[in-house]
Amino acid sequence: MALNFDIAWELLPPRDGTYINSSVPEDAVESFYQILTKAANRTGDPEEVFYMIRAEFSTALGAPIYRSTSMYFAPADAKSAMDRAAKNAPAFLSAFHGVCEKIAAQFGPKTAPSVAALNRLLEINKIGYVIDPPDLRLREQIETVPIEPSSLLETAHARFSQAIERSHELLKQEKGDEAVSQIWWLLESIVPSFAGLEVDGETVKGAYFNEVTKSLKKLSGDAAVLGVVARWLDALQAYLSGPEEGGIRHGRALHMEGLKKHEAELFCNLTRSYIAYLLAEYKARTEAQ
């Protein structure tokens, strides 16, 4: 499935800034190609997978789709299509996500990297996008655009319902890593909104998740529920971030299996509970102020 993004990006991608936004660097293309090559070799039908790669990236370029004349030429033909598509980062990433979905659908979910793993690869390579199916989002906008206090609750409650529904669907499909990732992103967008609020007469500081939770722990103290929750959130994020541990937020190490169903259900339920608590706490504190 192609990702949704601003149609103007097909002609003129966003300029590079803190991250690389315009094109995909050569070394990153090579990394993505190697991952798809490993996926192809795991399926038992590498020629078909290399055709999928060539077809998906050719479609992104608006070019005709051809099969390679033999398996000997298939890898090079697939890589050539990726190299040409890399001149436009949004088109490349949409194609990359699309081919991973097709590989997973035809050969099983364990044959292709998950969305969480793809986002980890983008982060490692300093590429300025986040894949949030069905959308491709610009990372700098996610990190720098604050949520207005007046609209936070309305927006968050709507997204909360959507995230719960989507995570339930993914759990049924036994896509545990994606189910947790789907709802964890919402939690990470809510926590920074506490910056600027007052706790015991002092202002919560920070722009990012870890900075805000650190401030909440300091101002609330270990005895207050908000401080305890902030400490728990730090611990949970640390676990979910570790590629050798949870590996949800930044992508699990490629040699590791995904979360078991009951593990994914645990993390989804914990995250939902934290979101519900934080929204209620935010409402109470903003109304009091």
C-alpha atoms as a PDB file:
ATOM      1  CA  MET A   1       0.000   0.000   0.000  1.00  0.00           C
ATOM      2  CA  ALA A   2       1.391   3.392  -1.004  1.00  0.00           C
ATOM      3  CA  LEU A   3       1.757   5.895   1.813  1.00  0.00           C
ATOM      4  CA  ASN A   4      -0.185   9.157   1.854  1.00  0.00           C
ATOM      5  CA  PHE A   5       1.869  12.352   1.701  1.00  0.00           C
ATOM      6  CA  ASP A   6       1.652  15.857   0.261  1.00  0.00           C
ATOM      7  CA  ILE A   7       1.371  15.467  -3.526  1.00  0.00           C
ATOM      8  CA  ALA A   8       3.721  18.433  -3.937  1.00  0.00           C
ATOM      9  CA  TRP A   9       6.514  16.289  -2.497  1.00  0.00           C
ATOM     10  CA  GLU A  10       6.446  14.131  -5.627  1.00  0.00           C
ATOM     11  CA  LEU A  11       7.752  17.106  -7.597  1.00  0.00           C
ATOM     12  CA  LEU A  12       9.698  18.937  -4.925  1.00  0.00           C
ATOM     13  CA  PRO A  13      10.491  17.126  -1.654  1.00  0.00           C
ATOM     14  CA  PRO A  14      11.044  19.197   1.512  1.00  0.00           C
ATOM     15  CA  ARG A  15      14.491  20.727   1.855  1.00  0.00           C
ATOM     16  CA  ASP A  16      17.122  19.184   4.085  1.00  0.00           C
ATOM     17  CA  GLY A  17      17.293  20.633   7.566  1.00  0.00           C
ATOM     18  CA  THR A  18      18.107  18.937  10.826  1.00  0.00           C
ATOM     19  CA  TYR A  19      17.413  15.720   8.932  1.00  0.00           C
ATOM     20  CA  ILE A  20      17.825  14.575   5.327  1.00  0.00           C
ATOM     21  CA  ASN A  21      14.474  15.218   3.637  1.00  0.00           C
ATOM     22  CA  SER A  22      15.078  15.604  -0.081  1.00  0.00           C
ATOM     23  CA  SER A  23      16.753  12.358  -1.145  1.00  0.00           C
ATOM     24  CA  VAL A  24      17.963   9.081   0.316  1.00  0.00           C
ATOM     25  CA  PRO A  25      21.771   8.954   0.678  1.00  0.00           C
ATOM     26  CA  GLU A  26      23.686   6.289  -1.205  1.00  0.00           C
ATOM     27  CA  ASP A  27      24.838   4.474   1.934  1.00  0.00           C
ATOM     28  CA  ALA A  28      21.258   4.394   3.251  1.00  0.00           C
ATOM     29  CA  VAL A  29      19.996   2.982  -0.060  1.00  0.00           C
ATOM     30  CA  GLU A  30      22.607   0.255   0.251  1.00  0.00           C
ATOM     31  CA  SER A  31      21.405  -0.561   3.789  1.00  0.00           C
ATOM     32  CA  PHE A  32      17.784  -0.765   2.652  1.00  0.00           C
ATOM     33  CA  TYR A  33      18.781  -2.898  -0.323  1.00  0.00           C
ATOM     34  CA  GLN A  34      20.696  -5.334   1.885  1.00  0.00           C
ATOM     35  CA  ILE A  35      17.646  -5.731   4.138  1.00  0.00           C
ATOM     36  CA  LEU A  36      15.432  -6.490   1.152  1.00  0.00           C
ATOM     37  CA  THR A  37      18.056  -8.919  -0.167  1.00  0.00           C
ATOM     38  CA  LYS A  38      17.967 -10.781   3.149  1.00  0.00           C
ATOM     39  CA  ALA A  39      14.179 -10.813   2.959  1.00  0.00           C
ATOM     40  CA  ALA A  40      14.332 -12.192  -0.589  1.00  0.00           C
ATOM     41  CA  ASN A  41      16.665 -14.994   0.441  1.00  0.00           C
ATOM     42  CA  ARG A  42      14.413 -15.943   3.365  1.00  0.00           C
ATOM     43  CA  THR A  43      11.327 -16.411   1.186  1.00  0.00           C
ATOM     44  CA  GLY A  44      12.595 -19.280  -0.910  1.00  0.00           C
ATOM     45  CA  ASP A  45      11.672 -17.388  -4.088  1.00  0.00           C
ATOM     46  CA  PRO A  46      14.224 -14.559  -4.349  1.00  0.00           C
ATOM     47  CA  GLU A  47      13.578 -13.894  -8.031  1.00  0.00           C
ATOM     48  CA  GLU A  48       9.931 -13.078  -7.289  1.00  0.00           C
ATOM     49  CA  VAL A  49      10.928 -10.726  -4.464  1.00  0.00           C
ATOM     50  CA  PHE A  50      13.475  -8.916  -6.620  1.00  0.00           C
ATOM     51  CA  TYR A  51      10.709  -8.468  -9.202  1.00  0.00           C
ATOM     52  CA  MET A  52       8.463  -7.002  -6.479  1.00  0.00           C
ATOM     53  CA  ILE A  53      11.239  -4.566  -5.535  1.00  0.00           C
ATOM     54  CA  ARG A  54      11.880  -3.532  -9.127  1.00  0.00           C
ATOM     55  CA  ALA A  55       8.149  -3.159  -9.814  1.00  0.00           C
ATOM     56  CA  GLU A  56       7.400  -1.107  -6.684  1.00  0.00           C
ATOM     57  CA  PHE A  57      10.277   1.333  -7.175  1.00  0.00           C
ATOM     58  CA  SER A  58       9.619   1.596 -10.921  1.00  0.00           C
ATOM     59  CA  THR A  59       6.006   2.513 -10.124  1.00  0.00           C
ATOM     60  CA  ALA A  60       7.284   5.229  -7.762  1.00  0.00           C
ATOM     61  CA  LEU A  61       9.299   6.621 -10.676  1.00  0.00           C
ATOM     62  CA  GLY A  62       6.387   6.412 -13.100  1.00  0.00           C
ATOM     63  CA  ALA A  63       8.489   4.020 -15.190  1.00  0.00           C
ATOM     64  CA  PRO A  64       7.377   0.846 -17.014  1.00  0.00           C
ATOM     65  CA  ILE A  65       7.534  -2.414 -15.097  1.00  0.00           C
ATOM     66  CA  TYR A  66       9.605  -5.248 -16.527  1.00  0.00           C
ATOM     67  CA  ARG A  67      10.748  -8.625 -15.237  1.00  0.00           C
ATOM     68  CA  SER A  68      14.447  -9.375 -15.332  1.00  0.00           C
ATOM     69  CA  THR A  69      15.446 -11.860 -17.993  1.00  0.00           C
ATOM     70  CA  SER A  70      16.904 -14.185 -15.350  1.00  0.00           C
ATOM     71  CA  MET A  71      17.747 -14.474 -11.655  1.00  0.00           C
ATOM     72  CA  TYR A  72      21.302 -13.474 -12.567  1.00  0.00           C
ATOM     73  CA  PHE A  73      20.169  -9.946 -13.479  1.00  0.00           C
ATOM     74  CA  ALA A  74      17.297  -9.585 -10.976  1.00  0.00           C
ATOM     75  CA  PRO A  75      19.264  -8.202  -7.983  1.00  0.00           C
ATOM     76  CA  ALA A  76      21.056  -5.580 -10.069  1.00  0.00           C
ATOM     77  CA  ASP A  77      17.812  -4.530 -11.777  1.00  0.00           C
ATOM     78  CA  ALA A  78      16.092  -4.137  -8.403  1.00  0.00           C
ATOM     79  CA  LYS A  79      19.012  -2.107  -7.014  1.00  0.00           C
ATOM     80  CA  SER A  80      19.033   0.111 -10.102  1.00  0.00           C
ATOM     81  CA  ALA A  81      15.345   0.980  -9.589  1.00  0.00           C
ATOM     82  CA  MET A  82      16.025   1.792  -5.927  1.00  0.00           C
ATOM     83  CA  ASP A  83      18.983   4.022  -6.839  1.00  0.00           C
ATOM     84  CA  ARG A  84      16.881   6.021  -9.297  1.00  0.00           C
ATOM     85  CA  ALA A  85      13.965   6.378  -6.871  1.00  0.00           C
ATOM     86  CA  ALA A  86      16.317   7.589  -4.115  1.00  0.00           C
ATOM     87  CA  LYS A  87      16.448  11.032  -5.737  1.00  0.00           C
ATOM     88  CA  ASN A  88      13.023  11.662  -4.166  1.00  0.00           C
ATOM     89  CA  ALA A  89      12.924  10.565  -0.517  1.00  0.00           C
ATOM     90  CA  PRO A  90       9.111  10.474  -0.031  1.00  0.00           C
ATOM     91  CA  ALA A  91       8.579   8.410  -3.183  1.00  0.00           C
ATOM     92  CA  PHE A  92      11.426   6.060  -2.206  1.00  0.00           C
ATOM     93  CA  LEU A  93      10.098   5.507   1.320  1.00  0.00           C
ATOM     94  CA  SER A  94       6.555   4.917   0.098  1.00  0.00           C
ATOM     95  CA  ALA A  95       7.878   2.295  -2.311  1.00  0.00           C
ATOM     96  CA  PHE A  96      10.054   0.699   0.363  1.00  0.00           C
ATOM     97  CA  HIS A  97       7.116   0.395   2.750  1.00  0.00           C
ATOM     98  CA  GLY A  98       4.935  -0.920  -0.068  1.00  0.00           C
ATOM     99  CA  VAL A  99       7.328  -3.686  -1.056  1.00  0.00           C
ATOM    100  CA  CYS A 100       7.783  -4.739   2.582  1.00  0.00           C
ATOM    101  CA  GLU A 101       4.003  -5.044   2.904  1.00  0.00           C
ATOM    102  CA  LYS A 102       3.796  -7.143  -0.248  1.00  0.00           C
ATOM    103  CA  ILE A 103       6.600  -9.454   0.861  1.00  0.00           C
ATOM    104  CA  ALA A 104       4.941  -9.916   4.256  1.00  0.00           C
ATOM    105  CA  ALA A 105       1.527 -10.545   2.683  1.00  0.00           C
ATOM    106  CA  GLN A 106       2.807 -13.174   0.244  1.00  0.00           C
ATOM    107  CA  PHE A 107       5.505 -14.887   2.285  1.00  0.00           C
ATOM    108  CA  GLY A 108       4.567 -14.202   5.912  1.00  0.00           C
ATOM    109  CA  PRO A 109       5.106 -11.302   8.357  1.00  0.00           C
ATOM    110  CA  LYS A 110       8.480 -12.568   9.572  1.00  0.00           C
ATOM    111  CA  THR A 111      10.042 -12.316   6.106  1.00  0.00           C
ATOM    112  CA  ALA A 112      10.000  -8.483   6.024  1.00  0.00           C
ATOM    113  CA  PRO A 113      10.849  -5.757   8.576  1.00  0.00           C
ATOM    114  CA  SER A 114       8.002  -4.224  10.587  1.00  0.00           C
ATOM    115  CA  VAL A 115       7.020  -0.549  10.495  1.00  0.00           C
ATOM    116  CA  ALA A 116       8.792  -0.076  13.834  1.00  0.00           C
ATOM    117  CA  ALA A 117      11.992  -1.496  12.339  1.00  0.00           C
ATOM    118  CA  LEU A 118      11.649   0.710   9.251  1.00  0.00           C
ATOM    119  CA  ASN A 119      11.315   3.812  11.418  1.00  0.00           C
ATOM    120  CA  ARG A 120      14.403   2.772  13.359  1.00  0.00           C
ATOM    121  CA  LEU A 121      16.331   2.527  10.079  1.00  0.00           C
ATOM    122  CA  LEU A 122      15.184   6.012   9.104  1.00  0.00           C
ATOM    123  CA  GLU A 123      16.287   7.372  12.450  1.00  0.00           C
ATOM    124  CA  ILE A 124      19.701   5.684  12.271  1.00  0.00           C
ATOM    125  CA  ASN A 125      20.275   7.162   8.804  1.00  0.00           C
ATOM    126  CA  LYS A 126      19.102  10.657   9.862  1.00  0.00           C
ATOM    127  CA  ILE A 127      16.289  10.587   7.298  1.00  0.00           C
ATOM    128  CA  GLY A 128      13.586  13.085   8.248  1.00  0.00           C
ATOM    129  CA  TYR A 129      10.417  11.019   7.950  1.00  0.00           C
ATOM    130  CA  VAL A 130       8.276   8.767  10.115  1.00  0.00           C
ATOM    131  CA  ILE A 131       6.145   6.012   8.609  1.00  0.00           C
ATOM    132  CA  ASP A 132       2.768   6.155  10.353  1.00  0.00           C
ATOM    133  CA  PRO A 133       0.502   4.022   8.122  1.00  0.00           C
ATOM    134  CA  PRO A 134      -1.296   5.055   6.078  1.00  0.00           C
ATOM    135  CA  ASP A 135       0.701   8.304   6.227  1.00  0.00           C
ATOM    136  CA  LEU A 136       4.287   9.407   5.703  1.00  0.00           C
ATOM    137  CA  ARG A 137       5.011  12.254   8.104  1.00  0.00           C
ATOM    138  CA  LEU A 138       7.845  14.794   8.217  1.00  0.00           C
ATOM    139  CA  ARG A 139       9.850  14.166  11.394  1.00  0.00           C
ATOM    140  CA  GLU A 140      10.666  17.844  12.000  1.00  0.00           C
ATOM    141  CA  GLN A 141       6.970  18.742  12.059  1.00  0.00           C
ATOM    142  CA  ILE A 142       6.264  16.015  14.606  1.00  0.00           C
ATOM    143  CA  GLU A 143       9.086  17.207  16.855  1.00  0.00           C
ATOM    144  CA  THR A 144       8.629  20.966  16.614  1.00  0.00           C
ATOM    145  CA  VAL A 145       4.909  21.658  16.256  1.00  0.00           C
ATOM    146  CA  PRO A 146       3.377  21.867  19.748  1.00  0.00           C
ATOM    147  CA  ILE A 147      -0.180  20.813  20.469  1.00  0.00           C
ATOM    148  CA  GLU A 148      -2.216  23.789  21.636  1.00  0.00           C
ATOM    149  CA  PRO A 149      -3.546  23.229  25.171  1.00  0.00           C
ATOM    150  CA  SER A 150      -7.049  24.260  24.127  1.00  0.00           C
ATOM    151  CA  SER A 151      -7.252  21.521  21.531  1.00  0.00           C
ATOM    152  CA  LEU A 152      -5.122  18.814  23.127  1.00  0.00           C
ATOM    153  CA  LEU A 153      -7.921  16.933  24.849  1.00  0.00           C
ATOM    154  CA  GLU A 154     -10.259  16.937  21.858  1.00  0.00           C
ATOM    155  CA  THR A 155      -7.498  15.870  19.488  1.00  0.00           C
ATOM    156  CA  ALA A 156      -5.985  13.314  21.845  1.00  0.00           C
ATOM    157  CA  HIS A 157      -9.305  11.634  22.697  1.00  0.00           C
ATOM    158  CA  ALA A 158     -10.093  11.252  18.981  1.00  0.00           C
ATOM    159  CA  ARG A 159      -6.650   9.834  18.240  1.00  0.00           C
ATOM    160  CA  PHE A 160      -6.843   7.654  21.367  1.00  0.00           C
ATOM    161  CA  SER A 161      -9.969   5.935  20.046  1.00  0.00           C
ATOM    162  CA  GLN A 162      -8.371   5.459  16.626  1.00  0.00           C
ATOM    163  CA  ALA A 163      -5.144   4.113  18.125  1.00  0.00           C
ATOM    164  CA  ILE A 164      -7.011   1.622  20.321  1.00  0.00           C
ATOM    165  CA  GLU A 165      -9.045   0.377  17.372  1.00  0.00           C
ATOM    166  CA  ARG A 166      -5.986   0.054  15.165  1.00  0.00           C
ATOM    167  CA  SER A 167      -3.925  -1.702  17.844  1.00  0.00           C
ATOM    168  CA  HIS A 168      -6.762  -4.212  18.375  1.00  0.00           C
ATOM    169  CA  GLU A 169      -6.775  -4.958  14.641  1.00  0.00           C
ATOM    170  CA  LEU A 170      -3.005  -5.472  14.601  1.00  0.00           C
ATOM    171  CA  LEU A 171      -3.166  -7.771  17.633  1.00  0.00           C
ATOM    172  CA  LYS A 172      -5.751  -9.912  15.852  1.00  0.00           C
ATOM    173  CA  GLN A 173      -3.376 -10.097  12.881  1.00  0.00           C
ATOM    174  CA  GLU A 174      -0.602 -11.168  15.290  1.00  0.00           C
ATOM    175  CA  LYS A 175       1.440  -8.058  14.510  1.00  0.00           C
ATOM    176  CA  GLY A 176       2.365  -7.382  18.113  1.00  0.00           C
ATOM    177  CA  ASP A 177       5.277  -4.992  17.524  1.00  0.00           C
ATOM    178  CA  GLU A 178       3.176  -2.768  15.259  1.00  0.00           C
ATOM    179  CA  ALA A 179       0.216  -2.876  17.652  1.00  0.00           C
ATOM    180  CA  VAL A 180       2.337  -1.500  20.492  1.00  0.00           C
ATOM    181  CA  SER A 181       4.085   1.026  18.236  1.00  0.00           C
ATOM    182  CA  GLN A 182       0.723   2.273  16.951  1.00  0.00           C
ATOM    183  CA  ILE A 183      -0.432   3.388  20.404  1.00  0.00           C
ATOM    184  CA  TRP A 184       2.963   4.271  21.901  1.00  0.00           C
ATOM    185  CA  TRP A 185       3.412   7.096  19.375  1.00  0.00           C
ATOM    186  CA  LEU A 186       0.313   8.753  20.833  1.00  0.00           C
ATOM    187  CA  LEU A 187       1.651   8.501  24.368  1.00  0.00           C
ATOM    188  CA  GLU A 188       4.917  10.121  23.291  1.00  0.00           C
ATOM    189  CA  SER A 189       3.005  13.041  21.760  1.00  0.00           C
ATOM    190  CA  ILE A 190       0.920  13.609  24.897  1.00  0.00           C
ATOM    191  CA  VAL A 191       3.710  13.675  27.504  1.00  0.00           C
ATOM    192  CA  PRO A 192       5.512  16.774  26.081  1.00  0.00           C
ATOM    193  CA  SER A 193       2.224  18.696  26.343  1.00  0.00           C
ATOM    194  CA  PHE A 194       2.728  18.813  30.123  1.00  0.00           C
ATOM    195  CA  ALA A 195       5.607  21.251  29.583  1.00  0.00           C
ATOM    196  CA  GLY A 196       4.561  24.679  30.798  1.00  0.00           C
ATOM    197  CA  LEU A 197       2.041  23.397  33.337  1.00  0.00           C
ATOM    198  CA  GLU A 198       2.548  24.049  37.031  1.00  0.00           C
ATOM    199  CA  VAL A 199       3.212  21.281  39.538  1.00  0.00           C
ATOM    200  CA  ASP A 200       3.438  22.353  43.189  1.00  0.00           C
ATOM    201  CA  GLY A 201       4.037  25.945  42.144  1.00  0.00           C
ATOM    202  CA  GLU A 202       6.836  25.221  39.667  1.00  0.00           C
ATOM    203  CA  THR A 203       6.730  24.975  35.889  1.00  0.00           C
ATOM    204  CA  VAL A 204       7.294  21.675  34.104  1.00  0.00           C
ATOM    205  CA  LYS A 205      10.223  22.050  31.712  1.00  0.00           C
ATOM    206  CA  GLY A 206      11.425  20.232  28.626  1.00  0.00           C
ATOM    207  CA  ALA A 207      10.577  19.783  24.955  1.00  0.00           C
ATOM    208  CA  TYR A 208      10.899  16.030  24.587  1.00  0.00           C
ATOM    209  CA  PHE A 209       9.499  12.958  26.317  1.00  0.00           C
ATOM    210  CA  ASN A 210      12.519  12.214  28.544  1.00  0.00           C
ATOM    211  CA  GLU A 211      13.018  15.857  29.493  1.00  0.00           C
ATOM    212  CA  VAL A 212       9.390  16.267  30.543  1.00  0.00           C
ATOM    213  CA  THR A 213       9.245  13.015  32.518  1.00  0.00           C
ATOM    214  CA  LYS A 214      12.474  14.016  34.300  1.00  0.00           C
ATOM    215  CA  SER A 215      10.919  17.357  35.230  1.00  0.00           C
ATOM    216  CA  LEU A 216       7.686  15.685  36.380  1.00  0.00           C
ATOM    217  CA  LYS A 217       9.627  13.278  38.596  1.00  0.00           C
ATOM    218  CA  LYS A 218      11.599  16.131  40.136  1.00  0.00           C
ATOM    219  CA  LEU A 219       8.600  18.389  40.780  1.00  0.00           C
ATOM    220  CA  SER A 220       6.119  15.720  41.839  1.00  0.00           C
ATOM    221  CA  GLY A 221       8.358  13.671  44.071  1.00  0.00           C
ATOM    222  CA  ASP A 222       8.342   9.929  44.550  1.00  0.00           C
ATOM    223  CA  ALA A 223       5.181   9.942  46.671  1.00  0.00           C
ATOM    224  CA  ALA A 224       2.882  11.681  44.185  1.00  0.00           C
ATOM    225  CA  VAL A 225       1.085   9.523  41.619  1.00  0.00           C
ATOM    226  CA  LEU A 226       2.183  11.750  38.727  1.00  0.00           C
ATOM    227  CA  GLY A 227       5.826  11.398  39.752  1.00  0.00           C
ATOM    228  CA  VAL A 228       5.510   7.630  40.077  1.00  0.00           C
ATOM    229  CA  VAL A 229       3.848   7.388  36.664  1.00  0.00           C
ATOM    230  CA  ALA A 230       6.625   9.527  35.143  1.00  0.00           C
ATOM    231  CA  ARG A 231       9.197   7.115  36.581  1.00  0.00           C
ATOM    232  CA  TRP A 232       7.334   4.107  35.220  1.00  0.00           C
ATOM    233  CA  LEU A 233       7.041   5.753  31.794  1.00  0.00           C
ATOM    234  CA  ASP A 234      10.796   6.335  31.707  1.00  0.00           C
ATOM    235  CA  ALA A 235      11.431   2.692  32.510  1.00  0.00           C
ATOM    236  CA  LEU A 236       8.919   1.454  29.932  1.00  0.00           C
ATOM    237  CA  GLN A 237      10.285   3.725  27.208  1.00  0.00           C
ATOM    238  CA  ALA A 238      13.831   2.583  27.956  1.00  0.00           C
ATOM    239  CA  TYR A 239      12.738  -1.034  27.543  1.00  0.00           C
ATOM    240  CA  LEU A 240      10.721  -0.430  24.381  1.00  0.00           C
ATOM    241  CA  SER A 241      13.589   1.575  22.867  1.00  0.00           C
ATOM    242  CA  GLY A 242      16.268  -1.078  23.343  1.00  0.00           C
ATOM    243  CA  PRO A 243      16.845  -3.081  20.131  1.00  0.00           C
ATOM    244  CA  GLU A 244      18.008  -6.014  22.240  1.00  0.00           C
ATOM    245  CA  GLU A 245      14.999  -5.666  24.578  1.00  0.00           C
ATOM    246  CA  GLY A 246      11.520  -4.486  23.553  1.00  0.00           C
ATOM    247  CA  GLY A 247      12.739  -2.900  20.348  1.00  0.00           C
ATOM    248  CA  ILE A 248       9.343  -1.343  19.590  1.00  0.00           C
ATOM    249  CA  ARG A 249      10.091   2.354  19.529  1.00  0.00           C
ATOM    250  CA  HIS A 250      13.308   2.098  17.518  1.00  0.00           C
ATOM    251  CA  GLY A 251      13.100  -1.315  15.920  1.00  0.00           C
ATOM    252  CA  ARG A 252      14.030  -4.721  17.251  1.00  0.00           C
ATOM    253  CA  ALA A 253      17.395  -6.172  16.347  1.00  0.00           C
ATOM    254  CA  LEU A 254      16.918  -8.002  13.063  1.00  0.00           C
ATOM    255  CA  HIS A 255      18.036 -11.336  14.501  1.00  0.00           C
ATOM    256  CA  MET A 256      15.321 -11.298  17.167  1.00  0.00           C
ATOM    257  CA  GLU A 257      11.743 -12.498  16.965  1.00  0.00           C
ATOM    258  CA  GLY A 258       8.821 -10.115  17.501  1.00  0.00           C
ATOM    259  CA  LEU A 259       6.750  -9.828  20.653  1.00  0.00           C
ATOM    260  CA  LYS A 260       4.593 -12.767  21.638  1.00  0.00           C
ATOM    261  CA  LYS A 261       0.858 -12.070  21.591  1.00  0.00           C
ATOM    262  CA  HIS A 262       0.460 -11.912  25.361  1.00  0.00           C
ATOM    263  CA  GLU A 263       3.499  -9.630  25.641  1.00  0.00           C
ATOM    264  CA  ALA A 264       2.079  -7.246  23.028  1.00  0.00           C
ATOM    265  CA  GLU A 265      -1.283  -7.254  24.808  1.00  0.00           C
ATOM    266  CA  LEU A 266       0.481  -6.349  28.066  1.00  0.00           C
ATOM    267  CA  PHE A 267       2.286  -3.359  26.552  1.00  0.00           C
ATOM    268  CA  CYS A 268      -0.826  -2.181  24.683  1.00  0.00           C
ATOM    269  CA  ASN A 269      -2.901  -2.346  27.860  1.00  0.00           C
ATOM    270  CA  LEU A 270      -0.241  -0.535  29.896  1.00  0.00           C
ATOM    271  CA  THR A 271       0.052   2.207  27.277  1.00  0.00           C
ATOM    272  CA  ARG A 272      -3.724   2.677  27.070  1.00  0.00           C
ATOM    273  CA  SER A 273      -3.918   2.981  30.863  1.00  0.00           C
ATOM    274  CA  TYR A 274      -1.137   5.568  30.954  1.00  0.00           C
ATOM    275  CA  ILE A 275      -2.776   7.618  28.187  1.00  0.00           C
ATOM    276  CA  ALA A 276      -6.139   7.587  29.953  1.00  0.00           C
ATOM    277  CA  TYR A 277      -4.492   8.685  33.213  1.00  0.00           C
ATOM    278  CA  LEU A 278      -2.421  11.438  31.563  1.00  0.00           C
ATOM    279  CA  LEU A 279      -5.413  12.885  29.720  1.00  0.00           C
ATOM    280  CA  ALA A 280      -7.432  13.014  32.945  1.00  0.00           C
ATOM    281  CA  GLU A 281      -4.474  14.540  34.830  1.00  0.00           C
ATOM    282  CA  TYR A 282      -3.890  17.116  32.093  1.00  0.00           C
ATOM    283  CA  LYS A 283      -7.544  18.121  32.151  1.00  0.00           C
ATOM    284  CA  ALA A 284      -7.572  18.492  35.925  1.00  0.00           C
ATOM    285  CA  ARG A 285      -4.402  20.604  35.999  1.00  0.00           C
ATOM    286  CA  THR A 286      -5.339  22.885  33.096  1.00  0.00           C
ATOM    287  CA  GLU A 287      -8.770  23.527  34.580  1.00  0.00           C
ATOM    288  CA  ALA A 288      -7.188  24.318  37.935  1.00  0.00           C
ATOM    289  CA  GLN A 289      -4.786  26.788  36.347  1.00  0.00           C
END
